[in-house]
Amino acid sequence: MNDQHDHGALGDAEYAEFMELAAEEGFDIEDVEGALEEAGAGPLPVLAVVGRPNVGKSTLVNRIIGRREAVVEDKPGVTRDRVTYEAEWAGRRFKVVDTGGWEQDVLGIDASVAAQAEYAIEAADAVVFVVDAKVGATDTDEAVVRLLRKAGKPVVLCANKVDGQSGESDAASLWSLGLGYPHPVSSLHGRGTGDMLDAVLEALPEAPAQTFGTAVGGPRRIALIGRPNVGKSSLLNKVAKADRVVVNEMAGTTRDPVDELIQLGGVTWKFIDTAGIRKKVHLQQGADYYASLRTAAAVEKAEVAVILIDTTENISVQDQRIITMAVEAGRAIVIAYNKWDDLDEERRYYLEREIETEMQQVAWAPRVNVSALTGRHMEKLVPAIETALAGWETRIPTGRLNAFLGEVVAGHPHPIRGGKQPRILFGTQAGSKPPRFVLFASGFLEHGYRRFIERRLREEFGFEGTPIHISVRVREKRGAQHKRKM
């Protein structure tokens, strides 16, 4: 591992200069290094908790995160949404994904379990497979084991509901699953969870591998996302200049993400057509529910999300929810306003007003007005994607960033609150893809001021087409620092 990597986005000389600046401003060096590591590492490693209904997954998640947040009830199918929480064990932070929604629907229980487990496993860096030790291994458990073997992800086997010595033999019988040591656990009482979490830390990577880009120089991954029937499949077919995927006027034709390698402008791209996301995941049933989960997984694996908006309909809450999903996933973003040829002057006028009011959260994203049916302006799509990728990968040297911050703070200081005026003392860019900044301040920075800093960063350095993450570390009082070290 080279030093460049050790310091995140900072080179050796820049790192030394930065730490000297931190010391001068009275920051605790360990705290500064922790802030850089936290911001520069990007996404935390992800642990998926999977298993049959009613084996105690949500109870175990509550035990891992140390608080009662996941809904627990003594009947199967209570967890409908895939829910993510942050957890910490032995000083290491990671994300825990609680999974559920397994109901006997049109797909049949086994297919439903497989679909949900498949998504959770695909999105995770490691898996805790929860089995009810009292019941023993069932046919459904065996089906999940086959999925786990196929995925090749590290697995920690949790033999749950072992409340005492008498249950140890029940747990031992789960060796038959072929997944290694069955950790005897009572998620309800906490028995054995510490040993299991030690095994989890061994299975989880320190930092997750980048899931996008198959290799250096490999094709860039572009996910096409949007509501049903906005024209994602038509767009893919037009870009590919061939009927690669099924197109039908009936919404919801696409169920699974479809990957296509396509040559455009002498470059190979990997386009991923996804199922339309209809409404809140927990209101969906059957095939739609799992299609939405797979779409979310496709976005996680992409570098750029091209979000299609149907211009013939009003911009909806659902459109905004899909945009939020892509922003929170930290992907570069392009907004494609489709069916542009179908607009009359009146609709065009009102659409522009809607864009001004409803699309403020991604005003920084490149916009293309296209028609997937006729091919109008399709040549503008790739330049917009390249612009978004360039913004997503942009890196600002620490010296230049601090000169900029100095000017901003001098021209627009933070408002005085409670007789105090917090100041940004210095900052650095801790990572890219997307750009992540850490600002070190003398006091708490209000949300409105952080938004102002983000706006000014965009005005000065571009960052077109990418979300920006800004975290703030506040300098502790000297007495508090001293007390913490004692």
Protein backbone atom coordinates (compact mmCIF):
# COMPACT_ATOMS: atom_id res chain seq x y z
CA MET A 1 0.00 0.00 0.00
CA ASN A 2 1.53 3.31 -1.00
CA ASP A 3 1.51 6.52 1.01
CA GLN A 4 -0.77 8.23 -1.47
CA HIS A 5 -3.42 5.70 -0.57
CA ASP A 6 -2.69 5.95 3.16
CA HIS A 7 -3.52 9.66 3.14
CA GLY A 8 -6.66 9.29 1.05
CA ALA A 9 -6.61 11.97 -1.65
CA LEU A 10 -3.55 13.76 -0.20
CA GLY A 11 0.03 13.23 -1.35
CA ASP A 12 2.91 13.08 1.14
CA ALA A 13 3.97 16.75 0.97
CA GLU A 14 0.37 17.97 0.97
CA TYR A 15 -0.47 15.72 3.92
CA ALA A 16 2.51 16.96 5.98
CA GLU A 17 1.59 20.59 5.27
CA PHE A 18 -2.03 19.90 6.12
CA MET A 19 -1.22 18.25 9.47
CA GLU A 20 1.08 21.15 10.38
CA LEU A 21 -1.81 23.53 9.71
CA ALA A 22 -4.10 21.38 11.88
CA ALA A 23 -1.60 21.47 14.76
CA GLU A 24 -1.26 25.26 14.49
CA GLU A 25 -5.03 25.66 14.76
CA GLY A 26 -5.12 23.53 17.92
CA PHE A 27 -6.76 20.40 16.49
CA ASP A 28 -6.12 17.01 18.00
CA ILE A 29 -4.08 15.10 15.37
CA GLU A 30 -5.90 11.82 16.01
CA ASP A 31 -9.23 13.58 15.50
CA VAL A 32 -8.02 15.10 12.21
CA GLU A 33 -6.75 11.74 10.94
CA GLY A 34 -10.05 10.13 11.96
CA ALA A 35 -12.02 12.78 10.06
CA LEU A 36 -9.90 12.29 6.94
CA GLU A 37 -10.18 8.52 7.13
CA GLU A 38 -13.95 8.70 7.66
CA ALA A 39 -14.52 11.04 4.72
CA GLY A 40 -11.86 9.64 2.41
CA ALA A 41 -12.88 6.01 2.74
CA GLY A 42 -16.09 6.71 0.85
CA PRO A 43 -18.82 4.17 1.46
CA LEU A 44 -18.58 2.02 4.58
CA PRO A 45 -18.38 -1.76 4.15
CA VAL A 46 -21.86 -3.32 3.99
CA LEU A 47 -23.07 -6.33 5.99
CA ALA A 48 -26.33 -7.95 4.81
CA VAL A 49 -28.41 -9.90 7.30
CA VAL A 50 -30.35 -12.59 5.40
CA GLY A 51 -32.44 -15.61 6.31
CA ARG A 52 -35.93 -17.10 6.22
CA PRO A 53 -38.90 -15.20 7.67
CA ASN A 54 -39.16 -15.08 11.46
CA VAL A 55 -35.66 -16.37 12.28
CA GLY A 56 -34.88 -13.17 14.22
CA LYS A 57 -33.07 -11.04 11.62
CA SER A 58 -34.46 -7.69 12.86
CA THR A 59 -33.83 -8.63 16.51
CA LEU A 60 -30.23 -9.40 15.59
CA VAL A 61 -29.91 -6.09 13.69
CA ASN A 62 -31.16 -4.21 16.78
CA ARG A 63 -28.54 -6.07 18.85
CA ILE A 64 -25.76 -5.17 16.37
CA ILE A 65 -26.65 -1.46 16.15
CA GLY A 66 -27.25 -1.23 19.89
CA ARG A 67 -30.73 0.26 19.74
CA ARG A 68 -34.28 -0.84 18.98
CA GLU A 69 -34.89 0.53 15.48
CA ALA A 70 -35.73 -2.42 13.24
CA VAL A 71 -39.40 -3.38 13.66
CA VAL A 72 -39.74 -6.70 15.47
CA GLU A 73 -42.95 -8.74 15.72
CA ASP A 74 -43.51 -12.45 16.28
CA LYS A 75 -44.81 -13.17 12.80
CA PRO A 76 -43.08 -13.44 9.42
CA GLY A 77 -42.98 -10.64 6.86
CA VAL A 78 -42.91 -7.64 9.23
CA THR A 79 -39.85 -6.15 7.52
CA ARG A 80 -41.05 -4.99 4.09
CA ASP A 81 -38.39 -2.42 3.21
CA ARG A 82 -34.69 -3.10 2.84
CA VAL A 83 -33.39 -0.91 5.67
CA THR A 84 -29.80 0.25 6.23
CA TYR A 85 -28.29 1.25 9.59
CA GLU A 86 -24.81 2.31 10.70
CA ALA A 87 -23.10 0.16 13.31
CA GLU A 88 -19.79 0.03 15.15
CA TRP A 89 -17.93 -2.85 16.76
CA ALA A 90 -14.41 -2.82 18.24
CA GLY A 91 -13.80 0.67 16.82
CA ARG A 92 -14.79 -0.20 13.23
CA ARG A 93 -17.82 1.28 11.47
CA PHE A 94 -19.91 -0.55 8.91
CA LYS A 95 -23.43 -0.59 7.48
CA VAL A 96 -26.00 -3.25 8.31
CA VAL A 97 -28.78 -4.06 5.83
CA ASP A 98 -31.88 -5.61 7.38
CA THR A 99 -33.85 -7.52 4.72
CA GLY A 100 -37.40 -8.78 4.60
CA GLY A 101 -40.58 -8.61 2.56
CA TRP A 102 -40.79 -12.34 2.00
CA GLU A 103 -44.42 -13.14 1.38
CA GLN A 104 -46.25 -15.91 -0.40
CA ASP A 105 -47.12 -14.08 -3.61
CA VAL A 106 -47.41 -14.79 -7.33
CA LEU A 107 -43.75 -15.73 -7.48
CA GLY A 108 -44.03 -18.34 -4.76
CA ILE A 109 -42.16 -18.18 -1.47
CA ASP A 110 -38.95 -19.82 -2.67
CA ALA A 111 -38.59 -17.46 -5.64
CA SER A 112 -39.35 -14.47 -3.40
CA VAL A 113 -36.73 -15.48 -0.86
CA ALA A 114 -34.22 -16.01 -3.66
CA ALA A 115 -34.94 -12.59 -5.22
CA GLN A 116 -34.58 -10.73 -1.94
CA ALA A 117 -31.51 -12.67 -0.80
CA GLU A 118 -29.94 -12.24 -4.24
CA TYR A 119 -30.20 -8.46 -4.03
CA ALA A 120 -28.95 -8.26 -0.44
CA ILE A 121 -25.98 -10.52 -1.19
CA GLU A 122 -25.08 -8.65 -4.37
CA ALA A 123 -25.05 -5.28 -2.59
CA ALA A 124 -23.04 -6.51 0.43
CA ASP A 125 -19.35 -7.00 1.19
CA ALA A 126 -20.15 -9.81 3.65
CA VAL A 127 -23.27 -11.67 4.80
CA VAL A 128 -24.65 -12.88 8.11
CA PHE A 129 -26.90 -15.83 7.33
CA VAL A 130 -29.40 -16.28 10.18
CA VAL A 131 -30.86 -19.74 10.79
CA ASP A 132 -33.30 -20.75 13.55
CA ALA A 133 -31.26 -23.32 15.51
CA LYS A 134 -34.41 -24.70 17.19
CA VAL A 135 -36.01 -25.48 13.82
CA GLY A 136 -32.82 -26.57 12.07
CA ALA A 137 -31.96 -26.23 8.38
CA THR A 138 -35.01 -26.15 6.07
CA ASP A 139 -35.30 -26.49 2.28
CA THR A 140 -35.54 -22.69 2.06
CA ASP A 141 -32.31 -22.35 4.06
CA GLU A 142 -30.65 -24.75 1.61
CA ALA A 143 -31.86 -22.58 -1.31
CA VAL A 144 -30.25 -19.50 0.26
CA VAL A 145 -27.01 -21.46 0.84
CA ARG A 146 -26.86 -22.20 -2.90
CA LEU A 147 -27.19 -18.47 -3.62
CA LEU A 148 -24.46 -17.66 -1.11
CA ARG A 149 -22.09 -20.17 -2.70
CA LYS A 150 -22.80 -18.78 -6.17
CA ALA A 151 -22.16 -15.17 -5.00
CA GLY A 152 -18.81 -16.05 -3.43
CA LYS A 153 -19.17 -13.43 -0.66
CA PRO A 154 -17.77 -14.08 2.85
CA VAL A 155 -20.50 -15.60 5.06
CA VAL A 156 -20.84 -15.73 8.85
CA LEU A 157 -23.38 -18.36 9.90
CA CYS A 158 -25.55 -17.29 12.84
CA ALA A 159 -27.38 -20.09 14.68
CA ASN A 160 -30.03 -17.95 16.37
CA LYS A 161 -32.36 -18.67 19.33
CA VAL A 162 -29.70 -20.56 21.31
CA ASP A 163 -30.67 -19.41 24.80
CA GLY A 164 -28.54 -21.80 26.86
CA GLN A 165 -26.26 -24.84 26.92
CA SER A 166 -29.09 -27.10 25.79
CA GLY A 167 -29.29 -25.24 22.48
CA GLU A 168 -25.61 -25.72 21.66
CA SER A 169 -26.23 -29.15 20.11
CA ASP A 170 -28.99 -27.64 17.94
CA ALA A 171 -26.47 -25.08 16.68
CA ALA A 172 -23.83 -27.76 16.02
CA SER A 173 -26.23 -29.58 13.67
CA LEU A 174 -25.99 -26.58 11.30
CA TRP A 175 -22.45 -27.61 10.34
CA SER A 176 -24.34 -29.65 7.72
CA LEU A 177 -25.00 -26.44 5.74
CA GLY A 178 -21.32 -26.37 4.78
CA LEU A 179 -20.81 -22.70 5.67
CA GLY A 180 -18.33 -23.25 8.48
CA TYR A 181 -18.76 -22.68 12.21
CA PRO A 182 -22.40 -22.00 13.24
CA HIS A 183 -22.06 -19.18 15.82
CA PRO A 184 -24.55 -19.95 18.65
CA VAL A 185 -26.39 -16.69 19.33
CA SER A 186 -29.41 -15.41 21.19
CA SER A 187 -30.15 -12.12 19.45
CA LEU A 188 -32.92 -11.52 21.98
CA HIS A 189 -30.64 -11.78 25.04
CA GLY A 190 -27.31 -10.90 23.40
CA ARG A 191 -25.69 -14.26 24.13
CA GLY A 192 -22.81 -14.98 21.72
CA THR A 193 -23.26 -11.84 19.60
CA GLY A 194 -19.82 -10.47 20.51
CA ASP A 195 -18.00 -13.55 19.18
CA MET A 196 -20.15 -13.47 16.05
CA LEU A 197 -19.33 -9.77 15.46
CA ASP A 198 -15.61 -10.50 15.84
CA ALA A 199 -16.05 -13.00 12.98
CA VAL A 200 -17.97 -10.35 11.01
CA LEU A 201 -15.06 -7.89 11.28
CA GLU A 202 -12.71 -10.57 9.93
CA ALA A 203 -15.06 -11.12 6.98
CA LEU A 204 -15.62 -7.43 6.17
CA PRO A 205 -12.99 -5.55 4.15
CA GLU A 206 -11.41 -2.46 5.78
CA ALA A 207 -12.84 -0.46 2.89
CA PRO A 208 -15.20 -1.88 0.29
CA ALA A 209 -13.91 -2.51 -3.22
CA GLN A 210 -15.22 -0.14 -5.87
CA THR A 211 -18.10 -2.00 -7.50
CA PHE A 212 -18.03 0.10 -10.66
CA GLY A 213 -15.61 -0.22 -13.56
CA THR A 214 -14.69 -3.81 -14.32
CA ALA A 215 -10.99 -2.93 -14.58
CA VAL A 216 -8.67 -0.04 -15.33
CA GLY A 217 -9.74 1.07 -18.78
CA GLY A 218 -12.88 -1.10 -18.59
CA PRO A 219 -16.23 0.18 -19.82
CA ARG A 220 -17.88 2.89 -17.75
CA ARG A 221 -21.21 1.77 -16.27
CA ILE A 222 -24.32 3.83 -17.03
CA ALA A 223 -27.64 2.97 -15.30
CA LEU A 224 -30.84 4.13 -17.01
CA ILE A 225 -33.41 4.75 -14.29
CA GLY A 226 -36.85 6.31 -13.97
CA ARG A 227 -40.53 5.60 -13.48
CA PRO A 228 -42.20 2.84 -15.54
CA ASN A 229 -42.85 3.67 -19.18
CA VAL A 230 -40.64 6.78 -19.36
CA GLY A 231 -38.75 5.21 -22.28
CA LYS A 232 -35.66 3.63 -20.72
CA SER A 233 -35.73 0.56 -22.96
CA SER A 234 -36.50 2.68 -26.05
CA LEU A 235 -33.54 4.91 -25.21
CA LEU A 236 -31.23 1.91 -24.87
CA ASN A 237 -32.42 0.51 -28.20
CA LYS A 238 -31.91 3.88 -29.92
CA VAL A 239 -28.41 4.27 -28.46
CA ALA A 240 -27.55 0.70 -29.49
CA LYS A 241 -29.12 1.20 -32.94
CA ALA A 242 -30.80 -2.20 -32.47
CA ASP A 243 -33.72 -3.76 -30.60
CA ARG A 244 -31.69 -5.04 -27.65
CA VAL A 245 -34.51 -5.04 -25.09
CA VAL A 246 -38.28 -5.54 -25.14
CA VAL A 247 -40.30 -2.34 -25.54
CA ASN A 248 -44.03 -2.35 -24.85
CA GLU A 249 -46.53 0.39 -24.10
CA MET A 250 -47.60 -1.55 -21.04
CA ALA A 251 -45.57 -0.21 -18.11
CA GLY A 252 -43.31 -2.66 -16.29
CA THR A 253 -42.09 -4.77 -19.21
CA THR A 254 -38.52 -4.72 -17.85
CA ARG A 255 -38.16 -6.73 -14.63
CA ASP A 256 -34.42 -7.36 -14.35
CA PRO A 257 -31.56 -4.95 -15.11
CA VAL A 258 -30.23 -5.60 -18.63
CA ASP A 259 -26.52 -4.93 -19.32
CA GLU A 260 -25.47 -3.95 -22.85
CA LEU A 261 -21.98 -3.10 -24.14
CA ILE A 262 -22.44 -0.31 -26.69
CA GLN A 263 -19.92 1.53 -28.88
CA LEU A 264 -20.48 5.30 -28.97
CA GLY A 265 -17.99 7.84 -30.29
CA GLY A 266 -15.26 5.23 -30.45
CA VAL A 267 -15.74 4.34 -26.75
CA THR A 268 -17.36 1.22 -25.27
CA TRP A 269 -19.96 1.91 -22.56
CA LYS A 270 -21.91 -0.52 -20.42
CA PHE A 271 -25.53 0.61 -20.35
CA ILE A 272 -27.87 -0.96 -17.77
CA ASP A 273 -31.60 -0.80 -18.50
CA THR A 274 -33.54 -1.12 -15.24
CA ALA A 275 -37.10 -1.79 -14.14
CA GLY A 276 -39.23 1.29 -13.52
CA ILE A 277 -39.66 2.22 -9.88
CA ARG A 278 -43.36 2.64 -9.28
CA LYS A 279 -43.85 3.96 -5.78
CA LYS A 280 -42.57 3.54 -2.23
CA VAL A 281 -40.94 0.13 -1.96
CA HIS A 282 -43.02 -0.89 1.06
CA LEU A 283 -46.26 -0.36 -0.91
CA GLN A 284 -45.16 -2.72 -3.68
CA GLN A 285 -45.92 -6.38 -3.99
CA GLY A 286 -44.48 -9.42 -5.68
CA ALA A 287 -42.43 -8.90 -8.81
CA ASP A 288 -42.53 -5.08 -8.57
CA TYR A 289 -40.99 -5.18 -5.10
CA TYR A 290 -38.01 -7.25 -6.20
CA ALA A 291 -37.63 -5.32 -9.48
CA SER A 292 -37.20 -2.12 -7.42
CA LEU A 293 -34.57 -3.76 -5.24
CA ARG A 294 -32.64 -4.93 -8.29
CA THR A 295 -32.82 -1.42 -9.78
CA ALA A 296 -31.33 0.00 -6.57
CA ALA A 297 -28.53 -2.59 -6.85
CA ALA A 298 -27.89 -1.54 -10.46
CA VAL A 299 -27.52 2.09 -9.37
CA GLU A 300 -25.07 1.07 -6.63
CA LYS A 301 -22.91 -0.69 -9.23
CA ALA A 302 -23.04 2.13 -11.81
CA GLU A 303 -20.85 5.20 -12.11
CA VAL A 304 -23.44 7.40 -13.79
CA ALA A 305 -27.23 7.41 -13.37
CA VAL A 306 -29.10 8.74 -16.40
CA ILE A 307 -32.50 9.67 -14.94
CA LEU A 308 -35.30 9.77 -17.51
CA ILE A 309 -38.21 12.15 -16.98
CA ASP A 310 -41.41 11.83 -19.05
CA THR A 311 -42.01 15.42 -20.22
CA THR A 312 -45.63 14.71 -21.21
CA GLU A 313 -46.53 14.23 -17.53
CA ASN A 314 -46.01 16.46 -14.50
CA ILE A 315 -42.76 15.93 -12.58
CA SER A 316 -43.89 13.74 -9.70
CA VAL A 317 -42.88 12.95 -6.14
CA GLN A 318 -41.78 9.57 -7.50
CA ASP A 319 -39.40 11.25 -9.98
CA GLN A 320 -37.87 13.17 -7.08
CA ARG A 321 -37.59 10.00 -4.98
CA ILE A 322 -35.64 8.30 -7.77
CA ILE A 323 -33.33 11.33 -8.06
CA THR A 324 -32.74 11.25 -4.28
CA MET A 325 -31.83 7.54 -4.49
CA ALA A 326 -29.17 8.29 -7.14
CA VAL A 327 -27.81 11.29 -5.21
CA GLU A 328 -27.61 9.34 -1.94
CA ALA A 329 -25.81 6.53 -3.78
CA GLY A 330 -23.16 9.14 -4.72
CA ARG A 331 -23.41 8.62 -8.47
CA ALA A 332 -22.72 11.10 -11.25
CA ILE A 333 -26.08 12.22 -12.66
CA VAL A 334 -27.51 13.24 -16.04
CA ILE A 335 -31.17 14.24 -16.42
CA ALA A 336 -32.73 13.19 -19.74
CA TYR A 337 -36.08 14.83 -20.48
CA ASN A 338 -37.66 12.28 -22.82
CA LYS A 339 -40.57 12.50 -25.33
CA TRP A 340 -39.54 16.11 -26.07
CA ASP A 341 -41.00 15.85 -29.60
CA ASP A 342 -44.47 15.36 -28.12
CA LEU A 343 -44.56 18.76 -26.39
CA ASP A 344 -46.61 21.70 -27.57
CA GLU A 345 -45.67 25.29 -26.67
CA GLU A 346 -47.99 25.45 -23.66
CA ARG A 347 -46.69 22.21 -22.10
CA ARG A 348 -43.11 23.29 -22.75
CA TYR A 349 -43.72 26.58 -20.91
CA TYR A 350 -45.19 24.84 -17.84
CA LEU A 351 -42.51 22.14 -17.90
CA GLU A 352 -39.76 24.78 -17.65
CA ARG A 353 -41.53 26.26 -14.60
CA GLU A 354 -41.74 22.76 -13.05
CA ILE A 355 -38.05 22.15 -13.67
CA GLU A 356 -37.20 25.44 -11.92
CA THR A 357 -39.21 24.55 -8.82
CA GLU A 358 -39.16 20.73 -8.61
CA MET A 359 -35.62 19.95 -9.80
CA GLN A 360 -33.64 22.34 -7.60
CA GLN A 361 -31.87 19.52 -5.77
CA VAL A 362 -30.08 18.56 -9.01
CA ALA A 363 -29.81 21.95 -10.70
CA TRP A 364 -26.10 21.06 -11.11
CA ALA A 365 -26.80 18.00 -13.28
CA PRO A 366 -26.32 18.18 -17.08
CA ARG A 367 -29.66 18.24 -18.89
CA VAL A 368 -30.50 16.78 -22.31
CA ASN A 369 -33.86 17.09 -24.09
CA VAL A 370 -34.28 13.90 -26.11
CA SER A 371 -36.73 11.68 -27.91
CA ALA A 372 -35.87 8.01 -27.55
CA LEU A 373 -38.47 7.22 -30.24
CA THR A 374 -37.19 9.52 -33.00
CA GLY A 375 -33.55 9.82 -31.89
CA ARG A 376 -33.74 13.59 -31.40
CA HIS A 377 -30.62 15.02 -29.67
CA MET A 378 -29.32 11.55 -28.80
CA GLU A 379 -25.84 12.74 -29.84
CA LYS A 380 -25.88 15.04 -26.79
CA LEU A 381 -26.20 12.17 -24.31
CA VAL A 382 -22.58 10.96 -24.33
CA PRO A 383 -21.04 14.48 -23.92
CA ALA A 384 -23.40 15.01 -20.94
CA ILE A 385 -22.29 11.67 -19.42
CA GLU A 386 -18.61 12.61 -19.95
CA THR A 387 -19.20 16.00 -18.29
CA ALA A 388 -20.83 14.34 -15.28
CA LEU A 389 -17.98 11.81 -14.96
CA ALA A 390 -15.39 14.62 -15.11
CA GLY A 391 -17.16 16.46 -12.27
CA TRP A 392 -17.47 13.22 -10.28
CA GLU A 393 -13.71 12.61 -10.52
CA THR A 394 -12.58 16.23 -9.93
CA ARG A 395 -9.90 16.78 -7.27
CA ILE A 396 -8.99 20.20 -5.81
CA PRO A 397 -5.47 20.60 -4.31
CA THR A 398 -5.58 21.50 -0.61
CA GLY A 399 -3.65 24.77 -1.09
CA ARG A 400 -6.03 26.03 -3.75
CA LEU A 401 -9.06 24.94 -1.71
CA ASN A 402 -7.88 26.82 1.38
CA ALA A 403 -7.16 29.99 -0.60
CA PHE A 404 -10.73 29.77 -1.91
CA LEU A 405 -12.17 29.10 1.60
CA GLY A 406 -10.26 32.09 2.98
CA GLU A 407 -11.82 34.38 0.38
CA VAL A 408 -15.31 33.00 0.97
CA VAL A 409 -15.11 33.32 4.76
CA ALA A 410 -13.72 36.88 4.50
CA GLY A 411 -16.46 37.94 2.08
CA HIS A 412 -19.37 36.05 3.68
CA PRO A 413 -18.67 35.14 7.33
CA HIS A 414 -20.97 32.77 9.20
CA PRO A 415 -23.84 34.58 11.03
CA ILE A 416 -23.28 35.28 14.72
CA ARG A 417 -25.23 32.85 16.91
CA GLY A 418 -25.39 33.09 20.70
CA GLY A 419 -22.71 35.78 20.72
CA LYS A 420 -20.27 33.56 18.80
CA GLN A 421 -19.24 33.50 15.17
CA PRO A 422 -17.95 30.10 14.00
CA ARG A 423 -15.25 30.21 11.33
CA ILE A 424 -13.97 27.71 8.79
CA LEU A 425 -10.28 27.45 9.71
CA PHE A 426 -9.15 25.17 6.86
CA GLY A 427 -10.29 22.19 4.82
CA THR A 428 -9.29 19.49 2.39
CA GLN A 429 -10.82 17.22 -0.22
CA ALA A 430 -10.63 13.77 1.31
CA GLY A 431 -11.86 11.84 -1.71
CA SER A 432 -13.59 11.83 -5.09
CA LYS A 433 -16.23 9.74 -6.91
CA PRO A 434 -18.11 11.70 -5.59
CA PRO A 435 -16.06 14.65 -4.22
CA ARG A 436 -15.90 14.55 -0.41
CA PHE A 437 -14.68 17.51 1.64
CA VAL A 438 -13.80 17.88 5.31
CA LEU A 439 -13.98 21.38 6.77
CA PHE A 440 -12.37 22.10 10.15
CA ALA A 441 -14.14 24.88 12.04
CA SER A 442 -14.05 26.78 15.32
CA GLY A 443 -17.74 26.07 15.96
CA PHE A 444 -20.87 24.42 14.56
CA LEU A 445 -21.71 25.43 10.96
CA GLU A 446 -25.42 25.77 10.26
CA HIS A 447 -26.96 23.77 7.42
CA GLY A 448 -27.72 26.93 5.44
CA TYR A 449 -24.06 28.00 5.58
CA ARG A 450 -22.91 24.54 4.44
CA ARG A 451 -25.28 24.83 1.48
CA PHE A 452 -23.77 28.24 0.73
CA ILE A 453 -20.25 26.73 0.78
CA GLU A 454 -21.38 23.95 -1.58
CA ARG A 455 -22.89 26.52 -3.96
CA ARG A 456 -19.69 28.55 -3.99
CA LEU A 457 -17.59 25.39 -4.54
CA ARG A 458 -19.67 24.65 -7.63
CA GLU A 459 -19.37 28.22 -8.91
CA GLU A 460 -15.59 28.19 -8.49
CA PHE A 461 -14.62 24.63 -9.48
CA GLY A 462 -17.53 23.30 -11.57
CA PHE A 463 -18.43 19.86 -10.16
CA GLU A 464 -21.11 19.62 -12.84
CA GLY A 465 -23.10 16.43 -12.68
CA THR A 466 -21.96 15.20 -9.27
CA PRO A 467 -23.23 15.29 -5.69
CA ILE A 468 -20.81 16.87 -3.18
CA HIS A 469 -20.42 15.55 0.38
CA ILE A 470 -19.28 18.06 3.03
CA SER A 471 -18.52 17.03 6.60
CA VAL A 472 -17.44 19.42 9.37
CA ARG A 473 -15.16 18.81 12.35
CA VAL A 474 -15.38 21.33 15.17
CA ARG A 475 -12.26 22.13 17.20
CA GLU A 476 -12.68 21.00 20.78
CA LYS A 477 -11.81 23.35 23.62
CA ARG A 478 -8.27 22.74 24.87
CA GLY A 479 -9.54 21.58 28.27
CA ALA A 480 -11.84 19.02 26.68
CA GLN A 481 -8.99 17.71 24.53
CA HIS A 482 -6.74 17.32 27.56
CA LYS A 483 -9.50 15.62 29.56
CA ARG A 484 -10.21 13.16 26.72
CA LYS A 485 -6.54 12.09 26.60
CA MET A 486 -6.29 11.48 30.36
